[in-house]
N, C-alpha and C. Protein backbone atom coordinates (compact mmCIF):
# COMPACT_ATOMS: atom_id res chain seq x y z
N MET A 1 10.29 35.49 -21.43
CA MET A 1 8.94 35.44 -20.86
C MET A 1 8.69 34.11 -20.14
N LYS A 2 9.13 33.01 -20.79
CA LYS A 2 8.95 31.70 -20.19
C LYS A 2 9.72 31.59 -18.88
N ASN A 3 10.92 32.18 -18.86
CA ASN A 3 11.73 32.14 -17.65
C ASN A 3 11.05 32.91 -16.52
N SER A 4 10.42 34.04 -16.87
CA SER A 4 9.72 34.84 -15.86
C SER A 4 8.56 34.07 -15.26
N ILE A 5 7.82 33.36 -16.13
CA ILE A 5 6.69 32.55 -15.68
C ILE A 5 7.18 31.44 -14.76
N LEU A 6 8.30 30.80 -15.14
CA LEU A 6 8.85 29.70 -14.35
C LEU A 6 9.28 30.20 -12.97
N ILE A 7 9.96 31.36 -12.93
CA ILE A 7 10.41 31.91 -11.66
C ILE A 7 9.23 32.26 -10.78
N THR A 8 8.18 32.85 -11.38
CA THR A 8 6.97 33.19 -10.62
C THR A 8 6.33 31.94 -10.03
N PHE A 9 6.27 30.87 -10.85
CA PHE A 9 5.68 29.61 -10.38
C PHE A 9 6.48 29.02 -9.22
N LEU A 10 7.80 29.05 -9.33
CA LEU A 10 8.65 28.50 -8.28
C LEU A 10 8.51 29.28 -6.99
N LEU A 11 8.43 30.60 -7.11
CA LEU A 11 8.26 31.44 -5.92
C LEU A 11 6.92 31.15 -5.26
N PHE A 12 5.87 30.99 -6.10
CA PHE A 12 4.54 30.68 -5.57
C PHE A 12 4.55 29.33 -4.87
N ALA A 13 5.18 28.34 -5.49
CA ALA A 13 5.26 27.00 -4.91
C ALA A 13 6.00 27.04 -3.58
N PHE A 14 7.06 27.84 -3.52
CA PHE A 14 7.83 27.96 -2.28
C PHE A 14 6.99 28.55 -1.17
N CYS A 15 6.21 29.57 -1.51
CA CYS A 15 5.36 30.23 -0.51
C CYS A 15 4.31 29.28 0.03
N VAL A 16 3.72 28.46 -0.89
CA VAL A 16 2.70 27.51 -0.47
C VAL A 16 3.30 26.46 0.44
N ASN A 17 4.45 25.89 0.03
CA ASN A 17 5.08 24.83 0.78
C ASN A 17 5.63 25.31 2.11
N ALA A 18 5.89 26.62 2.21
CA ALA A 18 6.48 27.16 3.42
C ALA A 18 5.44 27.52 4.47
N GLN A 19 4.18 27.19 4.23
CA GLN A 19 3.11 27.53 5.16
C GLN A 19 3.31 26.84 6.51
N TYR A 20 3.27 27.62 7.57
CA TYR A 20 3.36 27.07 8.92
C TYR A 20 2.00 27.20 9.60
N TYR A 21 1.64 26.17 10.36
CA TYR A 21 0.35 26.16 11.03
C TYR A 21 0.55 25.99 12.54
N GLN A 22 -0.41 26.54 13.28
CA GLN A 22 -0.37 26.37 14.72
C GLN A 22 -0.37 24.88 15.04
N SER A 23 0.49 24.46 15.96
CA SER A 23 0.61 23.04 16.21
C SER A 23 0.92 22.73 17.67
N ASP A 24 0.51 21.52 18.06
CA ASP A 24 0.86 20.97 19.37
C ASP A 24 1.44 19.59 19.12
N MET A 25 2.69 19.41 19.50
CA MET A 25 3.38 18.15 19.22
C MET A 25 3.57 17.34 20.50
N LEU A 26 3.32 16.04 20.38
CA LEU A 26 3.62 15.11 21.45
C LEU A 26 4.89 14.37 21.05
N MET A 27 5.91 14.48 21.87
CA MET A 27 7.18 13.84 21.57
C MET A 27 7.17 12.39 22.05
N VAL A 28 8.07 11.59 21.52
CA VAL A 28 8.17 10.18 21.89
C VAL A 28 8.46 10.03 23.38
N ASP A 29 9.22 10.97 23.95
CA ASP A 29 9.57 10.87 25.38
C ASP A 29 8.46 11.37 26.31
N GLY A 30 7.30 11.77 25.72
CA GLY A 30 6.17 12.20 26.53
C GLY A 30 6.07 13.70 26.73
N SER A 31 7.10 14.44 26.36
CA SER A 31 7.06 15.90 26.47
C SER A 31 6.24 16.50 25.33
N THR A 32 5.91 17.77 25.44
CA THR A 32 5.11 18.44 24.41
C THR A 32 5.79 19.73 23.96
N LYS A 33 5.48 20.15 22.74
CA LYS A 33 5.97 21.41 22.19
C LYS A 33 4.82 22.08 21.46
N SER A 34 4.61 23.35 21.72
CA SER A 34 3.56 24.11 21.04
C SER A 34 4.18 25.26 20.27
N GLY A 35 3.68 25.49 19.07
CA GLY A 35 4.21 26.56 18.24
C GLY A 35 3.61 26.49 16.86
N PHE A 36 4.46 26.49 15.84
CA PHE A 36 4.01 26.46 14.46
C PHE A 36 4.91 25.51 13.67
N THR A 37 4.29 24.65 12.84
CA THR A 37 5.05 23.72 12.02
C THR A 37 4.47 23.63 10.62
N LYS A 38 5.29 23.15 9.70
CA LYS A 38 4.78 22.77 8.39
C LYS A 38 4.10 21.42 8.52
N LEU A 39 3.23 21.09 7.59
CA LEU A 39 2.56 19.79 7.62
C LEU A 39 3.60 18.68 7.45
N PRO A 40 3.49 17.61 8.21
CA PRO A 40 4.42 16.49 8.01
C PRO A 40 4.14 15.82 6.67
N SER A 41 5.13 15.13 6.14
CA SER A 41 4.94 14.42 4.87
C SER A 41 5.76 13.13 4.88
N ASN A 42 5.48 12.29 3.90
CA ASN A 42 6.22 11.04 3.72
C ASN A 42 7.07 11.08 2.45
N GLU A 43 7.38 12.28 2.00
CA GLU A 43 8.18 12.43 0.80
C GLU A 43 9.61 11.95 1.04
N LEU A 44 10.22 11.45 0.00
CA LEU A 44 11.59 10.96 0.08
C LEU A 44 12.52 12.07 0.57
N PHE A 45 13.41 11.73 1.47
CA PHE A 45 14.40 12.64 2.06
C PHE A 45 13.83 13.58 3.12
N ASP A 46 12.50 13.52 3.35
CA ASP A 46 11.94 14.29 4.46
C ASP A 46 12.19 13.49 5.74
N GLY A 47 12.88 14.09 6.68
CA GLY A 47 13.15 13.40 7.93
C GLY A 47 13.13 14.34 9.11
N LYS A 48 12.78 15.60 8.83
CA LYS A 48 12.77 16.62 9.86
C LYS A 48 11.40 17.33 9.90
N ILE A 49 11.03 17.74 11.09
CA ILE A 49 9.84 18.58 11.27
C ILE A 49 10.33 20.00 11.52
N GLU A 50 9.90 20.94 10.65
CA GLU A 50 10.31 22.33 10.82
C GLU A 50 9.37 23.01 11.81
N PHE A 51 9.95 23.51 12.90
CA PHE A 51 9.18 24.03 14.01
C PHE A 51 9.62 25.45 14.37
N ARG A 52 8.64 26.28 14.71
CA ARG A 52 8.89 27.64 15.20
C ARG A 52 8.06 27.87 16.45
N THR A 53 8.62 28.56 17.43
CA THR A 53 7.84 28.88 18.62
C THR A 53 6.83 29.98 18.33
N SER A 54 7.11 30.82 17.33
CA SER A 54 6.17 31.83 16.85
C SER A 54 6.15 31.75 15.33
N LYS A 55 5.13 32.35 14.70
CA LYS A 55 4.95 32.17 13.26
C LYS A 55 6.14 32.70 12.45
N LYS A 56 6.84 33.69 12.98
CA LYS A 56 7.99 34.25 12.26
C LYS A 56 9.29 34.02 13.02
N GLY A 57 9.25 33.08 13.96
CA GLY A 57 10.43 32.79 14.77
C GLY A 57 11.49 31.99 14.02
N THR A 58 12.59 31.75 14.68
CA THR A 58 13.69 30.97 14.10
C THR A 58 13.25 29.52 13.90
N ILE A 59 13.62 28.94 12.76
CA ILE A 59 13.25 27.57 12.43
C ILE A 59 14.14 26.58 13.18
N GLU A 60 13.50 25.63 13.84
CA GLU A 60 14.20 24.53 14.49
C GLU A 60 13.82 23.25 13.76
N LYS A 61 14.80 22.50 13.30
CA LYS A 61 14.52 21.25 12.60
C LYS A 61 14.63 20.09 13.59
N ILE A 62 13.47 19.43 13.79
CA ILE A 62 13.38 18.36 14.78
C ILE A 62 13.34 17.01 14.07
N ASP A 63 14.16 16.09 14.51
CA ASP A 63 14.16 14.74 13.93
C ASP A 63 12.79 14.12 14.14
N GLU A 64 12.14 13.67 13.05
CA GLU A 64 10.79 13.15 13.17
C GLU A 64 10.72 11.86 13.97
N ASP A 65 11.84 11.16 14.15
CA ASP A 65 11.85 9.96 14.97
C ASP A 65 11.53 10.28 16.43
N GLY A 66 11.71 11.54 16.81
CA GLY A 66 11.42 11.95 18.17
C GLY A 66 10.03 12.49 18.38
N VAL A 67 9.21 12.49 17.29
CA VAL A 67 7.85 13.03 17.36
C VAL A 67 6.83 11.91 17.19
N SER A 68 5.83 11.89 18.07
CA SER A 68 4.80 10.85 18.02
C SER A 68 3.53 11.34 17.32
N ARG A 69 3.05 12.54 17.70
CA ARG A 69 1.82 13.08 17.13
C ARG A 69 1.96 14.59 16.92
N ILE A 70 1.22 15.09 15.94
CA ILE A 70 1.15 16.53 15.73
C ILE A 70 -0.31 16.92 15.50
N LEU A 71 -0.82 17.79 16.34
CA LEU A 71 -2.17 18.33 16.15
C LEU A 71 -2.02 19.68 15.46
N ILE A 72 -2.53 19.76 14.23
CA ILE A 72 -2.44 20.97 13.42
C ILE A 72 -3.77 21.72 13.46
N THR A 73 -3.70 23.03 13.64
CA THR A 73 -4.90 23.88 13.56
C THR A 73 -4.75 24.81 12.38
N SER A 74 -5.68 24.74 11.42
CA SER A 74 -5.60 25.57 10.23
C SER A 74 -5.97 27.01 10.57
N ASP A 75 -5.75 27.91 9.63
CA ASP A 75 -6.09 29.32 9.82
C ASP A 75 -7.60 29.51 10.01
N LYS A 76 -8.39 28.53 9.54
CA LYS A 76 -9.85 28.59 9.68
C LYS A 76 -10.33 27.93 10.97
N GLY A 77 -9.40 27.40 11.76
CA GLY A 77 -9.76 26.78 13.02
C GLY A 77 -10.01 25.28 12.97
N GLU A 78 -9.88 24.68 11.79
CA GLU A 78 -10.06 23.23 11.68
C GLU A 78 -8.83 22.53 12.25
N GLN A 79 -9.06 21.40 12.94
CA GLN A 79 -7.95 20.68 13.55
C GLN A 79 -7.74 19.32 12.89
N TYR A 80 -6.47 18.93 12.73
CA TYR A 80 -6.11 17.67 12.08
C TYR A 80 -5.01 17.00 12.89
N LEU A 81 -5.22 15.71 13.18
CA LEU A 81 -4.26 14.97 13.97
C LEU A 81 -3.45 14.04 13.08
N PHE A 82 -2.13 14.22 13.12
CA PHE A 82 -1.20 13.35 12.40
C PHE A 82 -0.49 12.45 13.41
N GLU A 83 -0.38 11.17 13.09
CA GLU A 83 0.34 10.24 13.95
C GLU A 83 1.41 9.53 13.13
N ARG A 84 2.53 9.25 13.76
CA ARG A 84 3.62 8.55 13.08
C ARG A 84 3.63 7.11 13.59
N ASN A 85 3.14 6.22 12.73
CA ASN A 85 2.95 4.82 13.13
C ASN A 85 3.68 3.86 12.21
N THR A 86 3.92 2.68 12.73
CA THR A 86 4.39 1.57 11.92
C THR A 86 3.23 1.08 11.06
N VAL A 87 3.50 0.75 9.81
CA VAL A 87 2.46 0.35 8.86
C VAL A 87 2.60 -1.13 8.53
N VAL A 88 1.46 -1.83 8.54
CA VAL A 88 1.44 -3.25 8.19
C VAL A 88 0.45 -3.47 7.05
N HIS A 89 0.91 -4.13 6.00
CA HIS A 89 0.05 -4.43 4.83
C HIS A 89 -0.55 -5.82 5.02
N LEU A 90 -1.88 -5.92 4.94
CA LEU A 90 -2.59 -7.19 5.10
C LEU A 90 -3.07 -7.71 3.75
N TYR A 91 -2.80 -8.97 3.46
CA TYR A 91 -3.33 -9.57 2.23
C TYR A 91 -3.20 -11.09 2.30
N ARG A 92 -3.81 -11.75 1.34
CA ARG A 92 -3.71 -13.21 1.24
C ARG A 92 -2.92 -13.59 0.00
N SER A 93 -2.09 -14.61 0.16
CA SER A 93 -1.31 -15.12 -0.96
C SER A 93 -1.31 -16.65 -0.89
N PHE A 94 -1.83 -17.29 -1.95
CA PHE A 94 -1.94 -18.75 -2.00
C PHE A 94 -2.65 -19.30 -0.75
N GLY A 95 -3.70 -18.56 -0.33
CA GLY A 95 -4.52 -19.02 0.78
C GLY A 95 -3.97 -18.70 2.16
N LYS A 96 -2.80 -18.08 2.23
CA LYS A 96 -2.19 -17.77 3.52
C LYS A 96 -2.35 -16.29 3.85
N GLU A 97 -2.55 -16.01 5.15
CA GLU A 97 -2.61 -14.63 5.60
C GLU A 97 -1.19 -14.06 5.68
N ILE A 98 -1.01 -12.89 5.07
CA ILE A 98 0.30 -12.23 5.08
C ILE A 98 0.19 -10.89 5.79
N LYS A 99 1.09 -10.66 6.73
CA LYS A 99 1.20 -9.37 7.41
C LYS A 99 2.60 -8.83 7.15
N GLN A 100 2.67 -7.89 6.20
CA GLN A 100 3.97 -7.36 5.77
C GLN A 100 4.20 -5.99 6.38
N GLU A 101 5.15 -5.93 7.30
CA GLU A 101 5.43 -4.68 8.01
C GLU A 101 6.43 -3.82 7.23
N LYS A 102 6.10 -2.53 7.07
CA LYS A 102 6.99 -1.60 6.39
C LYS A 102 8.19 -1.28 7.29
N VAL A 103 9.32 -1.02 6.67
CA VAL A 103 10.56 -0.79 7.42
C VAL A 103 10.48 0.50 8.24
N ASN A 104 10.02 1.58 7.60
CA ASN A 104 9.99 2.88 8.26
C ASN A 104 8.60 3.25 8.74
N LYS A 105 8.53 4.07 9.80
CA LYS A 105 7.25 4.60 10.24
C LYS A 105 6.79 5.68 9.26
N HIS A 106 5.49 5.92 9.22
CA HIS A 106 4.93 6.90 8.29
C HIS A 106 3.96 7.83 9.01
N TRP A 107 3.86 9.06 8.45
CA TRP A 107 2.89 10.02 8.96
C TRP A 107 1.54 9.74 8.33
N MET A 108 0.52 9.55 9.18
CA MET A 108 -0.82 9.30 8.69
C MET A 108 -1.81 10.25 9.34
N LEU A 109 -2.90 10.51 8.64
CA LEU A 109 -3.90 11.48 9.07
C LEU A 109 -5.14 10.77 9.61
N LEU A 110 -5.50 11.07 10.85
CA LEU A 110 -6.71 10.51 11.44
C LEU A 110 -7.94 11.18 10.81
N PHE A 111 -8.86 10.38 10.24
CA PHE A 111 -10.04 10.99 9.64
C PHE A 111 -11.35 10.50 10.25
N HIS A 112 -11.28 9.47 11.10
CA HIS A 112 -12.49 8.98 11.75
C HIS A 112 -12.08 8.10 12.92
N ALA A 113 -12.91 8.12 13.98
CA ALA A 113 -12.61 7.26 15.14
C ALA A 113 -13.88 6.96 15.91
N ASN A 114 -13.91 5.77 16.51
CA ASN A 114 -14.94 5.43 17.47
C ASN A 114 -14.24 4.76 18.65
N ALA A 115 -14.97 4.20 19.57
CA ALA A 115 -14.36 3.64 20.77
C ALA A 115 -13.53 2.39 20.49
N SER A 116 -13.77 1.73 19.34
CA SER A 116 -13.12 0.45 19.06
C SER A 116 -11.98 0.51 18.06
N VAL A 117 -12.02 1.49 17.15
CA VAL A 117 -11.02 1.52 16.08
C VAL A 117 -10.88 2.93 15.52
N GLN A 118 -9.67 3.24 15.06
CA GLN A 118 -9.38 4.54 14.45
C GLN A 118 -9.06 4.35 12.97
N CYS A 119 -9.46 5.33 12.14
CA CYS A 119 -9.27 5.25 10.69
C CYS A 119 -8.29 6.34 10.24
N TYR A 120 -7.36 5.96 9.37
CA TYR A 120 -6.34 6.89 8.89
C TYR A 120 -6.24 6.85 7.37
N SER A 121 -5.76 7.97 6.81
CA SER A 121 -5.32 7.96 5.41
C SER A 121 -3.81 8.14 5.43
N LEU A 122 -3.15 7.52 4.47
CA LEU A 122 -1.69 7.57 4.37
C LEU A 122 -1.32 7.95 2.95
N ALA A 123 -0.62 9.07 2.81
CA ALA A 123 -0.27 9.58 1.48
C ALA A 123 1.16 10.09 1.47
N GLN A 124 1.61 10.46 0.28
CA GLN A 124 2.94 11.03 0.15
C GLN A 124 3.04 12.36 0.89
N ARG A 125 1.99 13.17 0.77
CA ARG A 125 1.98 14.46 1.44
C ARG A 125 0.53 14.91 1.66
N TYR A 126 0.39 16.01 2.41
CA TYR A 126 -0.93 16.52 2.75
C TYR A 126 -0.97 18.03 2.49
N LYS A 127 -2.18 18.52 2.20
CA LYS A 127 -2.31 19.94 1.87
C LYS A 127 -3.61 20.50 2.45
N ILE A 128 -3.52 21.67 3.08
CA ILE A 128 -4.70 22.36 3.58
C ILE A 128 -5.07 23.44 2.56
N ASN A 129 -6.34 23.45 2.13
CA ASN A 129 -6.76 24.42 1.13
C ASN A 129 -7.20 25.74 1.77
N LYS A 130 -7.61 26.68 0.97
CA LYS A 130 -7.96 28.02 1.44
C LYS A 130 -9.15 28.01 2.39
N LYS A 131 -10.01 27.00 2.27
CA LYS A 131 -11.19 26.91 3.13
C LYS A 131 -10.91 26.18 4.44
N GLY A 132 -9.67 25.71 4.59
CA GLY A 132 -9.31 25.01 5.82
C GLY A 132 -9.44 23.51 5.75
N GLY A 133 -9.94 22.99 4.61
CA GLY A 133 -10.06 21.55 4.43
C GLY A 133 -8.71 20.93 4.09
N ILE A 134 -8.60 19.63 4.28
CA ILE A 134 -7.32 18.96 4.04
C ILE A 134 -7.47 17.86 2.99
N THR A 135 -6.40 17.64 2.24
CA THR A 135 -6.38 16.64 1.18
C THR A 135 -5.14 15.77 1.32
N SER A 136 -5.31 14.47 1.10
CA SER A 136 -4.18 13.54 1.06
C SER A 136 -3.75 13.41 -0.39
N ILE A 137 -2.46 13.64 -0.67
CA ILE A 137 -1.98 13.74 -2.06
C ILE A 137 -0.86 12.74 -2.33
N THR A 138 -0.93 12.12 -3.49
CA THR A 138 0.17 11.30 -3.99
C THR A 138 0.69 11.95 -5.26
N GLY A 139 1.97 12.34 -5.24
CA GLY A 139 2.56 13.05 -6.37
C GLY A 139 2.84 12.14 -7.55
N GLY A 140 2.97 12.75 -8.72
CA GLY A 140 3.21 11.98 -9.94
C GLY A 140 4.60 11.38 -10.00
N ASN A 141 5.62 12.17 -9.70
CA ASN A 141 7.00 11.68 -9.79
C ASN A 141 7.47 11.19 -8.42
N SER A 142 6.94 10.06 -7.99
CA SER A 142 7.30 9.53 -6.68
C SER A 142 7.13 8.02 -6.69
N LEU A 143 7.58 7.40 -5.60
CA LEU A 143 7.42 5.96 -5.44
C LEU A 143 6.00 5.60 -4.99
N TRP A 144 5.22 6.63 -4.61
CA TRP A 144 3.86 6.38 -4.14
C TRP A 144 2.93 6.19 -5.32
N SER A 145 2.13 5.13 -5.26
CA SER A 145 1.21 4.86 -6.37
C SER A 145 -0.24 5.13 -5.98
N THR A 146 -0.50 5.37 -4.69
CA THR A 146 -1.89 5.51 -4.26
C THR A 146 -1.97 6.19 -2.90
N VAL A 147 -3.19 6.36 -2.42
CA VAL A 147 -3.45 6.80 -1.05
C VAL A 147 -4.05 5.61 -0.31
N TYR A 148 -3.49 5.27 0.83
CA TYR A 148 -3.92 4.10 1.59
C TYR A 148 -4.87 4.49 2.72
N PHE A 149 -5.67 3.51 3.15
CA PHE A 149 -6.57 3.69 4.28
C PHE A 149 -6.29 2.59 5.28
N LEU A 150 -6.12 2.99 6.54
CA LEU A 150 -5.65 2.07 7.56
C LEU A 150 -6.56 2.08 8.79
N LEU A 151 -6.44 1.01 9.58
CA LEU A 151 -7.19 0.89 10.82
C LEU A 151 -6.22 0.58 11.97
N ARG A 152 -6.55 1.10 13.15
CA ARG A 152 -5.75 0.80 14.34
C ARG A 152 -6.66 0.80 15.56
N LYS A 153 -6.62 -0.27 16.32
CA LYS A 153 -7.37 -0.34 17.56
C LYS A 153 -6.57 0.35 18.67
N PRO A 154 -7.25 0.86 19.71
CA PRO A 154 -6.56 1.57 20.79
C PRO A 154 -5.45 0.76 21.45
N THR A 155 -5.57 -0.56 21.42
CA THR A 155 -4.56 -1.42 22.06
C THR A 155 -3.39 -1.74 21.13
N GLU A 156 -3.46 -1.31 19.88
CA GLU A 156 -2.42 -1.64 18.90
C GLU A 156 -1.42 -0.50 18.73
N GLU A 157 -0.17 -0.85 18.50
CA GLU A 157 0.88 0.14 18.26
C GLU A 157 1.16 0.32 16.77
N LYS A 158 0.53 -0.50 15.94
CA LYS A 158 0.73 -0.45 14.50
C LYS A 158 -0.60 -0.19 13.81
N ALA A 159 -0.55 0.39 12.60
CA ALA A 159 -1.74 0.62 11.80
C ALA A 159 -1.72 -0.33 10.60
N PHE A 160 -2.89 -0.83 10.23
CA PHE A 160 -2.98 -1.88 9.22
C PHE A 160 -3.71 -1.40 7.98
N ILE A 161 -3.09 -1.57 6.82
CA ILE A 161 -3.70 -1.18 5.54
C ILE A 161 -4.81 -2.16 5.21
N VAL A 162 -6.03 -1.63 5.02
CA VAL A 162 -7.17 -2.48 4.64
C VAL A 162 -7.78 -2.07 3.31
N SER A 163 -7.39 -0.89 2.81
CA SER A 163 -7.95 -0.41 1.55
C SER A 163 -7.02 0.64 0.96
N ALA A 164 -7.26 0.96 -0.30
CA ALA A 164 -6.48 1.99 -0.99
C ALA A 164 -7.18 2.33 -2.29
N ARG A 165 -6.90 3.51 -2.80
CA ARG A 165 -7.41 3.86 -4.12
C ARG A 165 -6.77 2.91 -5.13
N GLY A 166 -7.61 2.20 -5.85
CA GLY A 166 -7.09 1.24 -6.82
C GLY A 166 -7.21 -0.20 -6.37
N PHE A 167 -7.47 -0.44 -5.07
CA PHE A 167 -7.67 -1.80 -4.60
C PHE A 167 -9.00 -2.33 -5.14
N THR A 168 -9.05 -3.59 -5.48
CA THR A 168 -10.32 -4.20 -5.89
C THR A 168 -11.16 -4.50 -4.65
N ASN A 169 -12.46 -4.71 -4.85
CA ASN A 169 -13.33 -5.06 -3.73
C ASN A 169 -12.86 -6.34 -3.04
N GLY A 170 -12.36 -7.28 -3.84
CA GLY A 170 -11.87 -8.54 -3.28
C GLY A 170 -10.65 -8.34 -2.39
N MET A 171 -9.74 -7.47 -2.80
CA MET A 171 -8.55 -7.18 -1.99
C MET A 171 -8.94 -6.55 -0.65
N VAL A 172 -9.92 -5.65 -0.70
CA VAL A 172 -10.37 -4.97 0.53
C VAL A 172 -11.05 -5.97 1.46
N ARG A 173 -11.92 -6.82 0.91
CA ARG A 173 -12.62 -7.81 1.74
C ARG A 173 -11.63 -8.74 2.43
N LYS A 174 -10.63 -9.20 1.71
CA LYS A 174 -9.64 -10.13 2.29
C LYS A 174 -8.85 -9.46 3.41
N ALA A 175 -8.46 -8.20 3.20
CA ALA A 175 -7.70 -7.49 4.23
C ALA A 175 -8.55 -7.25 5.46
N MET A 176 -9.81 -6.85 5.26
CA MET A 176 -10.69 -6.59 6.40
C MET A 176 -11.04 -7.89 7.14
N ALA A 177 -11.17 -8.97 6.41
CA ALA A 177 -11.46 -10.26 7.05
C ALA A 177 -10.31 -10.68 7.96
N ILE A 178 -9.09 -10.36 7.56
CA ILE A 178 -7.93 -10.65 8.41
C ILE A 178 -7.93 -9.74 9.63
N TYR A 179 -8.17 -8.46 9.41
CA TYR A 179 -8.08 -7.49 10.50
C TYR A 179 -9.17 -7.70 11.55
N PHE A 180 -10.38 -8.02 11.12
CA PHE A 180 -11.50 -8.13 12.04
C PHE A 180 -11.80 -9.57 12.47
N LYS A 181 -10.83 -10.45 12.37
CA LYS A 181 -11.10 -11.87 12.65
C LYS A 181 -11.39 -12.15 14.12
N ASP A 182 -11.25 -11.14 14.99
CA ASP A 182 -11.62 -11.33 16.40
C ASP A 182 -13.14 -11.42 16.57
N VAL A 183 -13.89 -11.04 15.50
CA VAL A 183 -15.35 -11.16 15.53
C VAL A 183 -15.78 -11.98 14.31
N PRO A 184 -15.81 -13.32 14.42
CA PRO A 184 -16.13 -14.20 13.28
C PRO A 184 -17.45 -13.87 12.59
N GLU A 185 -18.45 -13.48 13.37
CA GLU A 185 -19.74 -13.13 12.78
C GLU A 185 -19.61 -11.93 11.84
N PHE A 186 -18.80 -10.98 12.24
CA PHE A 186 -18.59 -9.79 11.42
C PHE A 186 -17.80 -10.14 10.15
N VAL A 187 -16.81 -11.01 10.28
CA VAL A 187 -16.04 -11.47 9.12
C VAL A 187 -16.95 -12.16 8.11
N GLU A 188 -17.89 -12.94 8.61
CA GLU A 188 -18.85 -13.62 7.72
C GLU A 188 -19.66 -12.61 6.93
N ARG A 189 -20.06 -11.54 7.57
CA ARG A 189 -20.80 -10.48 6.88
C ARG A 189 -19.94 -9.81 5.82
N ILE A 190 -18.67 -9.61 6.15
CA ILE A 190 -17.75 -9.00 5.17
C ILE A 190 -17.59 -9.92 3.96
N ASN A 191 -17.36 -11.20 4.21
CA ASN A 191 -17.17 -12.16 3.12
C ASN A 191 -18.42 -12.34 2.28
N ASN A 192 -19.58 -12.07 2.87
CA ASN A 192 -20.85 -12.16 2.13
C ASN A 192 -21.16 -10.88 1.36
N LYS A 193 -20.19 -9.99 1.30
CA LYS A 193 -20.26 -8.75 0.51
C LYS A 193 -21.34 -7.78 1.01
N GLU A 194 -21.62 -7.84 2.30
CA GLU A 194 -22.63 -6.95 2.86
C GLU A 194 -22.20 -5.49 2.79
N PHE A 195 -20.87 -5.26 2.81
CA PHE A 195 -20.36 -3.88 2.86
C PHE A 195 -19.67 -3.48 1.55
N LYS A 196 -20.16 -4.05 0.46
CA LYS A 196 -19.53 -3.83 -0.86
C LYS A 196 -19.45 -2.36 -1.22
N LYS A 197 -20.47 -1.57 -0.84
CA LYS A 197 -20.50 -0.15 -1.21
C LYS A 197 -20.16 0.77 -0.03
N ALA A 198 -19.74 0.19 1.08
CA ALA A 198 -19.42 0.99 2.27
C ALA A 198 -17.97 1.45 2.23
N ASN A 199 -17.70 2.59 2.87
CA ASN A 199 -16.30 3.04 2.98
C ASN A 199 -15.71 2.50 4.29
N VAL A 200 -14.43 2.77 4.50
CA VAL A 200 -13.71 2.21 5.65
C VAL A 200 -14.34 2.66 6.97
N SER A 201 -14.69 3.93 7.08
CA SER A 201 -15.27 4.43 8.33
C SER A 201 -16.63 3.80 8.63
N ASP A 202 -17.43 3.53 7.59
CA ASP A 202 -18.72 2.86 7.78
C ASP A 202 -18.52 1.46 8.37
N VAL A 203 -17.57 0.74 7.81
CA VAL A 203 -17.29 -0.62 8.29
C VAL A 203 -16.78 -0.57 9.73
N ALA A 204 -15.93 0.41 10.03
CA ALA A 204 -15.40 0.56 11.39
C ALA A 204 -16.52 0.81 12.39
N ASP A 205 -17.52 1.58 11.99
CA ASP A 205 -18.63 1.88 12.90
C ASP A 205 -19.51 0.66 13.14
N VAL A 206 -19.67 -0.18 12.13
CA VAL A 206 -20.45 -1.41 12.33
C VAL A 206 -19.68 -2.34 13.27
N TYR A 207 -18.38 -2.43 13.10
CA TYR A 207 -17.54 -3.24 14.00
C TYR A 207 -17.70 -2.77 15.44
N ASP A 208 -17.77 -1.47 15.65
CA ASP A 208 -17.89 -0.90 17.00
C ASP A 208 -19.19 -1.32 17.69
N THR A 209 -20.24 -1.62 16.91
CA THR A 209 -21.52 -2.00 17.51
C THR A 209 -21.44 -3.36 18.23
N TYR A 210 -20.44 -4.15 17.94
CA TYR A 210 -20.27 -5.43 18.61
C TYR A 210 -19.74 -5.26 20.04
N PHE A 211 -19.26 -4.06 20.35
CA PHE A 211 -18.65 -3.82 21.65
C PHE A 211 -19.34 -2.70 22.44
N ASN A 212 -20.01 -1.81 21.73
CA ASN A 212 -20.60 -0.63 22.39
C ASN A 212 -22.06 -0.43 21.96
């Protein structure tokens, strides 16, 4: 009986993970591909994007290094933009600003944007639920310890970690003070704890008011 339950669970998990969604991909060389793909992930050993020209077509495995962006449309019509960017961790150590760049690029999900800055979540993997909503997930048995939140200005080629689940308010303030140092007045507001209860997108929108 236990074996039957286990087999049923594995089959169910396979069906869920095998979900393909309508997609439009922008390749690194500037070309585009439209069809159906599985959601990108940052799981260990994932290095290919599974692509089909039709929902039941032959699977083509595309090296993710050749893909820049993927626009996913859920069965409910909701759209989600994934970008593969270089990640930089911002923090202070012994009074010095540290910008630690990750070796590999990562898939991140755009969740908010204005004219001055874009906001992303970065997780081990992503999942679309039955209602068409999306969740950023960090698995238990993995090297991932949290879900990160990043910012990127339109002129930047890299995304910068400014917050994460589990970060203290002090860690977030220090990272944001480094990232937004082009506007000293705004940094002063951050250091004065004006945005203690604000989320990343709220802070990004206040930053945008200095330019628009």
